[in-house]
Amino acid sequence: MRARGSPTATGPMAGKRESKGRRHRHGQTGRQYRPLRGSSLPPAFAVAAVSGRLQGKVAIVTGAARGIGAATARLFAQHGAQVFGIDRDPADPSSPQVECLQADVTEVAAIETTIEQVRERCGRIDVLVNNAGGDVFSDPLSLVDDDWDRCLSLNLKGAWNATRAALPSMLAQGAGSVVNIASVHAHKIIRGAFPYPVAKHGLIGLTRALGIEYAAQGIRVNSISPGLILVPRIEAWFAASADPEAKRREQTELLPCKRIGTPEEVAYTALFLASDEARFINATDILVDGGRSQLYHD
């Protein structure tokens, strides 16, 4: 099945003279690929460029019922992956390509059982996107212990619970990509947002530690730090303001690009990190915030 936007032989290069150098042809598309000089190109890489960037891969996305998780799950399916979306809430029915499973990442037994069911059905797990999370904002000295525990359990330990469940399959096959959805709160501190930044700093630490720990076994672990993205909870935050449109304009003006990001823009970054295109990227974090975190003012 050809993913939307896949290259064909009728593109702008059709009919042009082939340049010198050894070429390798894959399939019947007419597109040709040159191996990277000084290294061997994985056979699946050139095929993925034709038929989908995640063709044949099995992917799990947590927090997939809405927002960034839903956009990521849909995009992965469009690029050829067999996608399982895990969420504690019922999924959006507008994603027929994604098989939705209900489980809470903070419940160890539940997430282990759910991920093991995926492995038993598909025989492998190639990609895990740890997107499940939620805001917990408080004045530090007013924070109750239950909210501290909930923040770290949902935003940090939940990612570890899912990763720990998926790692044995990835290690057995000698390959796998984990993408953690962190936050700009892991880079810049915003007053009044405690303890959310603590958990997201920890998530980047988890990314780096696991990425280095398992690099030699073919596992890559990376993270993405989104800035202000138009997800349902941000829309709800605007709506709850005294003047929703004024609040939206205020937040938009803070961004160098003068617009708020979309879930799809984060999803495309996750797609890149999950694919073989990013096979030499490991233990790193990518900011997706329109440049906001580089500004030296509130």
C-alpha atoms as a PDB file:
ATOM      1  CA  MET A   1       0.000   0.000   0.000  1.00  0.00           C
ATOM      2  CA  ARG A   2       1.426   3.354  -0.992  1.00  0.00           C
ATOM      3  CA  ALA A   3       1.429   5.995   1.721  1.00  0.00           C
ATOM      4  CA  ARG A   4       0.067   9.401   0.834  1.00  0.00           C
ATOM      5  CA  GLY A   5       2.809  11.551  -0.662  1.00  0.00           C
ATOM      6  CA  SER A   6       4.957   8.569  -1.718  1.00  0.00           C
ATOM      7  CA  PRO A   7       7.316   9.243  -4.649  1.00  0.00           C
ATOM      8  CA  THR A   8       6.344   7.977  -8.088  1.00  0.00           C
ATOM      9  CA  ALA A   9       7.997   7.768 -11.478  1.00  0.00           C
ATOM     10  CA  THR A  10       5.945  10.724 -12.702  1.00  0.00           C
ATOM     11  CA  GLY A  11       7.554  13.280 -10.393  1.00  0.00           C
ATOM     12  CA  PRO A  12       9.675  16.275 -11.420  1.00  0.00           C
ATOM     13  CA  MET A  13      12.765  14.099 -12.035  1.00  0.00           C
ATOM     14  CA  ALA A  14      10.985  11.732 -14.432  1.00  0.00           C
ATOM     15  CA  GLY A  15      12.697  11.539 -17.827  1.00  0.00           C
ATOM     16  CA  LYS A  16      15.904  13.265 -16.695  1.00  0.00           C
ATOM     17  CA  ARG A  17      19.238  11.713 -17.553  1.00  0.00           C
ATOM     18  CA  GLU A  18      20.688   9.493 -14.883  1.00  0.00           C
ATOM     19  CA  SER A  19      23.849  10.947 -13.354  1.00  0.00           C
ATOM     20  CA  LYS A  20      27.053   8.959 -13.194  1.00  0.00           C
ATOM     21  CA  GLY A  21      27.675   6.525 -10.392  1.00  0.00           C
ATOM     22  CA  ARG A  22      26.386   3.211  -9.241  1.00  0.00           C
ATOM     23  CA  ARG A  23      22.625   3.025  -8.711  1.00  0.00           C
ATOM     24  CA  HIS A  24      20.319   0.569  -6.961  1.00  0.00           C
ATOM     25  CA  ARG A  25      16.712   0.190  -8.095  1.00  0.00           C
ATOM     26  CA  HIS A  26      13.983  -0.960  -5.713  1.00  0.00           C
ATOM     27  CA  GLY A  27      10.543  -2.045  -6.856  1.00  0.00           C
ATOM     28  CA  GLN A  28       8.877  -0.791 -10.023  1.00  0.00           C
ATOM     29  CA  THR A  29       8.584   2.887  -9.206  1.00  0.00           C
ATOM     30  CA  GLY A  30      11.426   4.096 -11.399  1.00  0.00           C
ATOM     31  CA  ARG A  31      13.061   5.888  -8.457  1.00  0.00           C
ATOM     32  CA  GLN A  32      16.723   5.102  -7.845  1.00  0.00           C
ATOM     33  CA  TYR A  33      18.849   5.343  -4.727  1.00  0.00           C
ATOM     34  CA  ARG A  34      22.567   5.824  -4.201  1.00  0.00           C
ATOM     35  CA  PRO A  35      24.049   4.147  -1.103  1.00  0.00           C
ATOM     36  CA  LEU A  36      25.610   6.512   1.415  1.00  0.00           C
ATOM     37  CA  ARG A  37      29.333   6.811   0.719  1.00  0.00           C
ATOM     38  CA  GLY A  38      31.450   4.964   3.237  1.00  0.00           C
ATOM     39  CA  SER A  39      28.549   3.076   4.793  1.00  0.00           C
ATOM     40  CA  SER A  40      25.982   0.448   3.951  1.00  0.00           C
ATOM     41  CA  LEU A  41      22.366   1.535   3.581  1.00  0.00           C
ATOM     42  CA  PRO A  42      19.939  -0.768   5.418  1.00  0.00           C
ATOM     43  CA  PRO A  43      17.858  -2.558   2.758  1.00  0.00           C
ATOM     44  CA  ALA A  44      14.610  -1.479   4.423  1.00  0.00           C
ATOM     45  CA  PHE A  45      15.601   2.194   4.220  1.00  0.00           C
ATOM     46  CA  ALA A  46      15.283   2.617   0.461  1.00  0.00           C
ATOM     47  CA  VAL A  47      12.088   0.561   0.410  1.00  0.00           C
ATOM     48  CA  ALA A  48      10.596   2.748   3.149  1.00  0.00           C
ATOM     49  CA  ALA A  49      11.264   5.828   1.018  1.00  0.00           C
ATOM     50  CA  VAL A  50       8.962   4.338  -1.627  1.00  0.00           C
ATOM     51  CA  SER A  51       6.210   2.630   0.331  1.00  0.00           C
ATOM     52  CA  GLY A  52       6.082   4.486   3.637  1.00  0.00           C
ATOM     53  CA  ARG A  53       8.622   5.677   6.147  1.00  0.00           C
ATOM     54  CA  LEU A  54       7.478   3.087   8.719  1.00  0.00           C
ATOM     55  CA  GLN A  55       6.413   0.352   6.325  1.00  0.00           C
ATOM     56  CA  GLY A  56       6.221  -3.019   8.038  1.00  0.00           C
ATOM     57  CA  LYS A  57       6.928  -1.660  11.527  1.00  0.00           C
ATOM     58  CA  VAL A  58       4.799  -2.197  14.625  1.00  0.00           C
ATOM     59  CA  ALA A  59       4.318   0.991  16.635  1.00  0.00           C
ATOM     60  CA  ILE A  60       2.742   1.752  19.999  1.00  0.00           C
ATOM     61  CA  VAL A  61       1.666   5.291  20.937  1.00  0.00           C
ATOM     62  CA  THR A  62       0.533   6.061  24.489  1.00  0.00           C
ATOM     63  CA  GLY A  63      -1.861   8.882  25.232  1.00  0.00           C
ATOM     64  CA  ALA A  64      -3.268   8.331  21.759  1.00  0.00           C
ATOM     65  CA  ALA A  65      -6.897   9.317  22.321  1.00  0.00           C
ATOM     66  CA  ARG A  66      -6.405  12.966  21.372  1.00  0.00           C
ATOM     67  CA  GLY A  67      -3.918  15.755  20.699  1.00  0.00           C
ATOM     68  CA  ILE A  68      -0.291  14.928  19.882  1.00  0.00           C
ATOM     69  CA  GLY A  69      -0.800  11.217  20.544  1.00  0.00           C
ATOM     70  CA  ALA A  70      -3.758  10.944  18.165  1.00  0.00           C
ATOM     71  CA  ALA A  71      -1.946  12.916  15.453  1.00  0.00           C
ATOM     72  CA  THR A  72       1.151  10.736  15.837  1.00  0.00           C
ATOM     73  CA  ALA A  73      -0.794   7.487  15.688  1.00  0.00           C
ATOM     74  CA  ARG A  74      -2.646   8.585  12.527  1.00  0.00           C
ATOM     75  CA  LEU A  75       0.539   9.753  10.817  1.00  0.00           C
ATOM     76  CA  PHE A  76       2.406   6.543  11.627  1.00  0.00           C
ATOM     77  CA  ALA A  77      -0.451   4.507  10.148  1.00  0.00           C
ATOM     78  CA  GLN A  78      -0.404   6.631   7.000  1.00  0.00           C
ATOM     79  CA  HIS A  79       3.284   5.803   6.642  1.00  0.00           C
ATOM     80  CA  GLY A  80       2.772   2.067   6.740  1.00  0.00           C
ATOM     81  CA  ALA A  81       3.070   1.142  10.414  1.00  0.00           C
ATOM     82  CA  GLN A  82       0.711  -1.184  12.229  1.00  0.00           C
ATOM     83  CA  VAL A  83      -0.269   1.168  15.035  1.00  0.00           C
ATOM     84  CA  PHE A  84      -1.685   0.473  18.483  1.00  0.00           C
ATOM     85  CA  GLY A  85      -2.870   3.502  20.422  1.00  0.00           C
ATOM     86  CA  ILE A  86      -2.987   3.100  24.197  1.00  0.00           C
ATOM     87  CA  ASP A  87      -4.973   5.464  26.382  1.00  0.00           C
ATOM     88  CA  ARG A  88      -6.938   5.279  29.609  1.00  0.00           C
ATOM     89  CA  ASP A  89      -9.768   7.175  27.871  1.00  0.00           C
ATOM     90  CA  PRO A  90     -11.863   6.024  24.893  1.00  0.00           C
ATOM     91  CA  ALA A  91     -10.198   6.923  21.599  1.00  0.00           C
ATOM     92  CA  ASP A  92     -11.383   9.368  18.955  1.00  0.00           C
ATOM     93  CA  PRO A  93     -13.406   7.289  16.460  1.00  0.00           C
ATOM     94  CA  SER A  94     -11.962   9.338  13.568  1.00  0.00           C
ATOM     95  CA  SER A  95      -8.809   7.144  13.513  1.00  0.00           C
ATOM     96  CA  PRO A  96      -9.911   3.874  11.848  1.00  0.00           C
ATOM     97  CA  GLN A  97      -6.330   2.946  10.889  1.00  0.00           C
ATOM     98  CA  VAL A  98      -5.263   2.809  14.532  1.00  0.00           C
ATOM     99  CA  GLU A  99      -6.223  -0.052  16.827  1.00  0.00           C
ATOM    100  CA  CYS A 100      -7.136   1.471  20.163  1.00  0.00           C
ATOM    101  CA  LEU A 101      -6.414  -0.255  23.466  1.00  0.00           C
ATOM    102  CA  GLN A 102      -7.387   0.990  26.922  1.00  0.00           C
ATOM    103  CA  ALA A 103      -4.796   0.991  29.703  1.00  0.00           C
ATOM    104  CA  ASP A 104      -3.317   3.462  32.163  1.00  0.00           C
ATOM    105  CA  VAL A 105       0.468   3.877  31.915  1.00  0.00           C
ATOM    106  CA  THR A 106       0.651   4.513  35.654  1.00  0.00           C
ATOM    107  CA  GLU A 107      -0.654   0.996  36.360  1.00  0.00           C
ATOM    108  CA  VAL A 108       2.330  -1.299  35.866  1.00  0.00           C
ATOM    109  CA  ALA A 109       0.447  -4.578  35.448  1.00  0.00           C
ATOM    110  CA  ALA A 110      -2.060  -3.066  33.007  1.00  0.00           C
ATOM    111  CA  ILE A 111       0.514  -1.502  30.685  1.00  0.00           C
ATOM    112  CA  GLU A 112       2.740  -4.603  30.778  1.00  0.00           C
ATOM    113  CA  THR A 113      -0.199  -6.843  29.858  1.00  0.00           C
ATOM    114  CA  THR A 114      -1.332  -4.550  27.044  1.00  0.00           C
ATOM    115  CA  ILE A 115       2.113  -4.253  25.462  1.00  0.00           C
ATOM    116  CA  GLU A 116       2.690  -7.990  25.790  1.00  0.00           C
ATOM    117  CA  GLN A 117      -0.595  -8.570  23.930  1.00  0.00           C
ATOM    118  CA  VAL A 118       0.735  -6.430  21.066  1.00  0.00           C
ATOM    119  CA  ARG A 119       3.991  -8.399  21.002  1.00  0.00           C
ATOM    120  CA  GLU A 120       2.184 -11.746  21.000  1.00  0.00           C
ATOM    121  CA  ARG A 121      -0.059 -10.679  18.128  1.00  0.00           C
ATOM    122  CA  CYS A 122       2.598  -9.064  15.943  1.00  0.00           C
ATOM    123  CA  GLY A 123       5.751 -10.902  16.974  1.00  0.00           C
ATOM    124  CA  ARG A 124       7.695  -7.664  17.457  1.00  0.00           C
ATOM    125  CA  ILE A 125       7.591  -4.045  18.640  1.00  0.00           C
ATOM    126  CA  ASP A 126       9.617  -1.588  16.576  1.00  0.00           C
ATOM    127  CA  VAL A 127       8.535   1.813  17.865  1.00  0.00           C
ATOM    128  CA  LEU A 128       7.228   3.141  21.172  1.00  0.00           C
ATOM    129  CA  VAL A 129       6.080   6.742  21.561  1.00  0.00           C
ATOM    130  CA  ASN A 130       5.614   7.718  25.205  1.00  0.00           C
ATOM    131  CA  ASN A 131       3.168  10.588  24.859  1.00  0.00           C
ATOM    132  CA  ALA A 132       0.851  10.053  27.846  1.00  0.00           C
ATOM    133  CA  GLY A 133       1.165  12.875  30.352  1.00  0.00           C
ATOM    134  CA  GLY A 134      -0.640  15.770  31.957  1.00  0.00           C
ATOM    135  CA  ASP A 135      -0.171  19.161  33.591  1.00  0.00           C
ATOM    136  CA  VAL A 136       0.247  19.423  37.345  1.00  0.00           C
ATOM    137  CA  PHE A 137       0.893  23.070  38.297  1.00  0.00           C
ATOM    138  CA  SER A 138       1.081  24.354  41.858  1.00  0.00           C
ATOM    139  CA  ASP A 139       2.813  26.679  44.256  1.00  0.00           C
ATOM    140  CA  PRO A 140       5.623  24.488  45.651  1.00  0.00           C
ATOM    141  CA  LEU A 141       4.715  24.882  49.331  1.00  0.00           C
ATOM    142  CA  SER A 142       1.002  24.417  48.600  1.00  0.00           C
ATOM    143  CA  LEU A 143       1.575  21.199  46.683  1.00  0.00           C
ATOM    144  CA  VAL A 144       0.108  18.146  48.369  1.00  0.00           C
ATOM    145  CA  ASP A 145       1.959  14.834  48.278  1.00  0.00           C
ATOM    146  CA  ASP A 146      -0.721  13.157  46.164  1.00  0.00           C
ATOM    147  CA  ASP A 147      -0.270  15.735  43.392  1.00  0.00           C
ATOM    148  CA  TRP A 148       3.518  15.366  43.514  1.00  0.00           C
ATOM    149  CA  ASP A 149       3.154  11.598  43.165  1.00  0.00           C
ATOM    150  CA  ARG A 150       0.557  11.931  40.389  1.00  0.00           C
ATOM    151  CA  CYS A 151       2.787  14.298  38.395  1.00  0.00           C
ATOM    152  CA  LEU A 152       5.856  12.062  38.519  1.00  0.00           C
ATOM    153  CA  SER A 153       3.860   8.886  38.027  1.00  0.00           C
ATOM    154  CA  LEU A 154       2.074  10.163  34.914  1.00  0.00           C
ATOM    155  CA  ASN A 155       4.831  12.226  33.293  1.00  0.00           C
ATOM    156  CA  LEU A 156       7.931  10.193  34.153  1.00  0.00           C
ATOM    157  CA  LYS A 157       7.289   6.768  35.634  1.00  0.00           C
ATOM    158  CA  GLY A 158       4.527   6.071  33.093  1.00  0.00           C
ATOM    159  CA  ALA A 159       7.074   6.412  30.291  1.00  0.00           C
ATOM    160  CA  TRP A 160       9.411   4.033  32.110  1.00  0.00           C
ATOM    161  CA  ASN A 161       6.579   1.535  32.697  1.00  0.00           C
ATOM    162  CA  ALA A 162       5.810   1.377  28.967  1.00  0.00           C
ATOM    163  CA  THR A 163       9.462   1.365  27.926  1.00  0.00           C
ATOM    164  CA  ARG A 164      10.345  -1.421  30.344  1.00  0.00           C
ATOM    165  CA  ALA A 165       7.510  -3.499  28.876  1.00  0.00           C
ATOM    166  CA  ALA A 166       8.612  -2.911  25.257  1.00  0.00           C
ATOM    167  CA  LEU A 167      12.384  -3.217  25.693  1.00  0.00           C
ATOM    168  CA  PRO A 168      12.638  -7.036  25.840  1.00  0.00           C
ATOM    169  CA  SER A 169      11.037  -7.331  22.399  1.00  0.00           C
ATOM    170  CA  MET A 170      13.305  -4.644  20.942  1.00  0.00           C
ATOM    171  CA  LEU A 171      16.398  -6.232  22.463  1.00  0.00           C
ATOM    172  CA  ALA A 172      15.448  -9.660  21.127  1.00  0.00           C
ATOM    173  CA  GLN A 173      15.201  -8.318  17.580  1.00  0.00           C
ATOM    174  CA  GLY A 174      18.262  -6.071  17.946  1.00  0.00           C
ATOM    175  CA  ALA A 175      16.455  -2.885  16.921  1.00  0.00           C
ATOM    176  CA  GLY A 176      13.921  -0.414  18.219  1.00  0.00           C
ATOM    177  CA  SER A 177      13.127   3.274  18.576  1.00  0.00           C
ATOM    178  CA  VAL A 178      11.640   4.915  21.666  1.00  0.00           C
ATOM    179  CA  VAL A 179      10.401   8.502  21.391  1.00  0.00           C
ATOM    180  CA  ASN A 180       9.505  10.310  24.604  1.00  0.00           C
ATOM    181  CA  ILE A 181       7.335  13.430  24.460  1.00  0.00           C
ATOM    182  CA  ALA A 182       8.931  15.832  26.940  1.00  0.00           C
ATOM    183  CA  SER A 183       8.291  19.612  27.005  1.00  0.00           C
ATOM    184  CA  VAL A 184       9.877  23.042  26.828  1.00  0.00           C
ATOM    185  CA  HIS A 185       9.323  22.942  30.594  1.00  0.00           C
ATOM    186  CA  ALA A 186      12.331  20.608  30.620  1.00  0.00           C
ATOM    187  CA  HIS A 187      14.461  23.463  29.234  1.00  0.00           C
ATOM    188  CA  LYS A 188      13.015  26.678  30.660  1.00  0.00           C
ATOM    189  CA  ILE A 189      11.290  27.215  33.986  1.00  0.00           C
ATOM    190  CA  ILE A 190       7.954  29.003  34.104  1.00  0.00           C
ATOM    191  CA  ARG A 191       6.852  30.333  37.491  1.00  0.00           C
ATOM    192  CA  GLY A 192       3.740  28.660  38.847  1.00  0.00           C
ATOM    193  CA  ALA A 193       4.260  25.433  36.878  1.00  0.00           C
ATOM    194  CA  PHE A 194       5.844  23.322  39.644  1.00  0.00           C
ATOM    195  CA  PRO A 195       6.294  20.281  39.731  1.00  0.00           C
ATOM    196  CA  TYR A 196       5.662  19.591  36.019  1.00  0.00           C
ATOM    197  CA  PRO A 197       9.186  20.753  34.987  1.00  0.00           C
ATOM    198  CA  VAL A 198      10.705  18.332  37.511  1.00  0.00           C
ATOM    199  CA  ALA A 199       9.047  15.383  35.808  1.00  0.00           C
ATOM    200  CA  LYS A 200       9.918  16.567  32.301  1.00  0.00           C
ATOM    201  CA  HIS A 201      13.561  17.168  33.222  1.00  0.00           C
ATOM    202  CA  GLY A 202      13.535  13.618  34.523  1.00  0.00           C
ATOM    203  CA  LEU A 203      12.054  12.356  31.265  1.00  0.00           C
ATOM    204  CA  ILE A 204      14.938  13.828  29.279  1.00  0.00           C
ATOM    205  CA  GLY A 205      17.316  12.238  31.785  1.00  0.00           C
ATOM    206  CA  LEU A 206      15.574   8.912  31.223  1.00  0.00           C
ATOM    207  CA  THR A 207      15.925   9.409  27.469  1.00  0.00           C
ATOM    208  CA  ARG A 208      19.657   9.996  27.641  1.00  0.00           C
ATOM    209  CA  ALA A 209      20.368   7.245  30.162  1.00  0.00           C
ATOM    210  CA  LEU A 210      18.451   4.548  28.265  1.00  0.00           C
ATOM    211  CA  GLY A 211      19.732   5.718  24.901  1.00  0.00           C
ATOM    212  CA  ILE A 212      23.315   5.232  26.029  1.00  0.00           C
ATOM    213  CA  GLU A 213      22.587   2.057  27.975  1.00  0.00           C
ATOM    214  CA  TYR A 214      21.157   0.182  24.980  1.00  0.00           C
ATOM    215  CA  ALA A 215      22.816   1.875  22.004  1.00  0.00           C
ATOM    216  CA  ALA A 216      25.087  -1.084  21.275  1.00  0.00           C
ATOM    217  CA  GLN A 217      22.046  -3.377  21.187  1.00  0.00           C
ATOM    218  CA  GLY A 218      20.420  -1.406  18.374  1.00  0.00           C
ATOM    219  CA  ILE A 219      17.989   0.597  20.510  1.00  0.00           C
ATOM    220  CA  ARG A 220      17.595   4.345  20.041  1.00  0.00           C
ATOM    221  CA  VAL A 221      15.889   6.520  22.658  1.00  0.00           C
ATOM    222  CA  ASN A 222      15.152  10.168  21.857  1.00  0.00           C
ATOM    223  CA  SER A 223      12.764  12.835  23.050  1.00  0.00           C
ATOM    224  CA  ILE A 224      10.806  15.764  21.672  1.00  0.00           C
ATOM    225  CA  SER A 225      10.113  18.930  23.657  1.00  0.00           C
ATOM    226  CA  PRO A 226       6.996  20.636  22.282  1.00  0.00           C
ATOM    227  CA  GLY A 227       6.226  24.235  23.086  1.00  0.00           C
ATOM    228  CA  LEU A 228       2.739  25.733  22.891  1.00  0.00           C
ATOM    229  CA  ILE A 229       0.686  23.324  20.773  1.00  0.00           C
ATOM    230  CA  LEU A 230      -3.037  23.548  19.975  1.00  0.00           C
ATOM    231  CA  VAL A 231      -4.131  20.434  21.821  1.00  0.00           C
ATOM    232  CA  PRO A 232      -7.517  20.116  23.592  1.00  0.00           C
ATOM    233  CA  ARG A 233      -6.184  21.141  27.017  1.00  0.00           C
ATOM    234  CA  ILE A 234      -4.723  24.360  25.561  1.00  0.00           C
ATOM    235  CA  GLU A 235      -8.001  25.102  23.796  1.00  0.00           C
ATOM    236  CA  ALA A 236      -9.751  24.527  27.135  1.00  0.00           C
ATOM    237  CA  TRP A 237      -7.272  26.886  28.842  1.00  0.00           C
ATOM    238  CA  PHE A 238      -8.076  29.608  26.324  1.00  0.00           C
ATOM    239  CA  ALA A 239     -11.816  29.012  26.714  1.00  0.00           C
ATOM    240  CA  ALA A 240     -11.590  29.289  30.511  1.00  0.00           C
ATOM    241  CA  SER A 241      -9.927  32.715  30.309  1.00  0.00           C
ATOM    242  CA  ALA A 242     -11.892  35.904  30.952  1.00  0.00           C
ATOM    243  CA  ASP A 243     -11.254  36.899  27.330  1.00  0.00           C
ATOM    244  CA  PRO A 244     -10.389  33.757  25.311  1.00  0.00           C
ATOM    245  CA  GLU A 245      -9.458  35.586  22.126  1.00  0.00           C
ATOM    246  CA  ALA A 246      -7.238  38.046  23.994  1.00  0.00           C
ATOM    247  CA  LYS A 247      -5.476  35.151  25.740  1.00  0.00           C
ATOM    248  CA  ARG A 248      -4.945  33.411  22.399  1.00  0.00           C
ATOM    249  CA  ARG A 249      -3.506  36.599  20.857  1.00  0.00           C
ATOM    250  CA  GLU A 250      -1.266  37.139  23.879  1.00  0.00           C
ATOM    251  CA  GLN A 251       0.203  33.642  23.618  1.00  0.00           C
ATOM    252  CA  THR A 252       0.572  33.891  19.855  1.00  0.00           C
ATOM    253  CA  GLU A 253       2.521  37.134  20.128  1.00  0.00           C
ATOM    254  CA  LEU A 254       5.031  35.482  22.478  1.00  0.00           C
ATOM    255  CA  LEU A 255       6.115  33.168  19.665  1.00  0.00           C
ATOM    256  CA  PRO A 256       8.743  34.373  17.154  1.00  0.00           C
ATOM    257  CA  CYS A 257       6.752  32.837  14.282  1.00  0.00           C
ATOM    258  CA  LYS A 258       3.535  34.517  15.509  1.00  0.00           C
ATOM    259  CA  ARG A 259       1.491  31.340  15.412  1.00  0.00           C
ATOM    260  CA  ILE A 260       0.799  28.426  17.720  1.00  0.00           C
ATOM    261  CA  GLY A 261       2.044  24.959  16.791  1.00  0.00           C
ATOM    262  CA  THR A 262      -0.129  22.038  15.738  1.00  0.00           C
ATOM    263  CA  PRO A 263      -0.131  18.415  16.939  1.00  0.00           C
ATOM    264  CA  GLU A 264       0.791  17.318  13.411  1.00  0.00           C
ATOM    265  CA  GLU A 265       4.045  19.293  13.568  1.00  0.00           C
ATOM    266  CA  VAL A 266       5.105  17.333  16.638  1.00  0.00           C
ATOM    267  CA  ALA A 267       3.902  14.114  15.013  1.00  0.00           C
ATOM    268  CA  TYR A 268       6.148  14.636  11.980  1.00  0.00           C
ATOM    269  CA  THR A 269       9.145  15.019  14.291  1.00  0.00           C
ATOM    270  CA  ALA A 270       8.211  11.755  15.992  1.00  0.00           C
ATOM    271  CA  LEU A 271       7.861  10.118  12.573  1.00  0.00           C
ATOM    272  CA  PHE A 272      11.401  11.157  11.662  1.00  0.00           C
ATOM    273  CA  LEU A 273      12.874   9.923  14.943  1.00  0.00           C
ATOM    274  CA  ALA A 274      10.977   6.627  14.695  1.00  0.00           C
ATOM    275  CA  SER A 275      12.104   5.989  11.122  1.00  0.00           C
ATOM    276  CA  ASP A 276      15.378   4.586   9.787  1.00  0.00           C
ATOM    277  CA  GLU A 277      16.155   8.080   8.505  1.00  0.00           C
ATOM    278  CA  ALA A 278      17.193   8.936  12.069  1.00  0.00           C
ATOM    279  CA  ARG A 279      19.202   5.759  12.601  1.00  0.00           C
ATOM    280  CA  PHE A 280      22.289   7.679  13.861  1.00  0.00           C
ATOM    281  CA  ILE A 281      20.324   9.954  16.224  1.00  0.00           C
ATOM    282  CA  ASN A 282      20.248   8.701  19.796  1.00  0.00           C
ATOM    283  CA  ALA A 283      19.949  10.019  23.358  1.00  0.00           C
ATOM    284  CA  THR A 284      19.016  13.499  22.197  1.00  0.00           C
ATOM    285  CA  ASP A 285      16.112  15.941  22.485  1.00  0.00           C
ATOM    286  CA  ILE A 286      14.520  18.040  19.739  1.00  0.00           C
ATOM    287  CA  LEU A 287      12.747  21.288  20.609  1.00  0.00           C
ATOM    288  CA  VAL A 288       9.563  21.916  18.629  1.00  0.00           C
ATOM    289  CA  ASP A 289       8.515  25.320  19.929  1.00  0.00           C
ATOM    290  CA  GLY A 290       8.816  27.827  17.085  1.00  0.00           C
ATOM    291  CA  GLY A 291      11.980  29.245  18.690  1.00  0.00           C
ATOM    292  CA  ARG A 292      10.183  30.459  21.807  1.00  0.00           C
ATOM    293  CA  SER A 293      12.621  28.947  24.302  1.00  0.00           C
ATOM    294  CA  GLN A 294      15.532  30.877  22.796  1.00  0.00           C
ATOM    295  CA  LEU A 295      14.083  34.268  23.754  1.00  0.00           C
ATOM    296  CA  TYR A 296      15.553  36.093  26.732  1.00  0.00           C
ATOM    297  CA  HIS A 297      12.315  37.386  28.277  1.00  0.00           C
ATOM    298  CA  ASP A 298       9.001  36.127  29.677  1.00  0.00           C
END
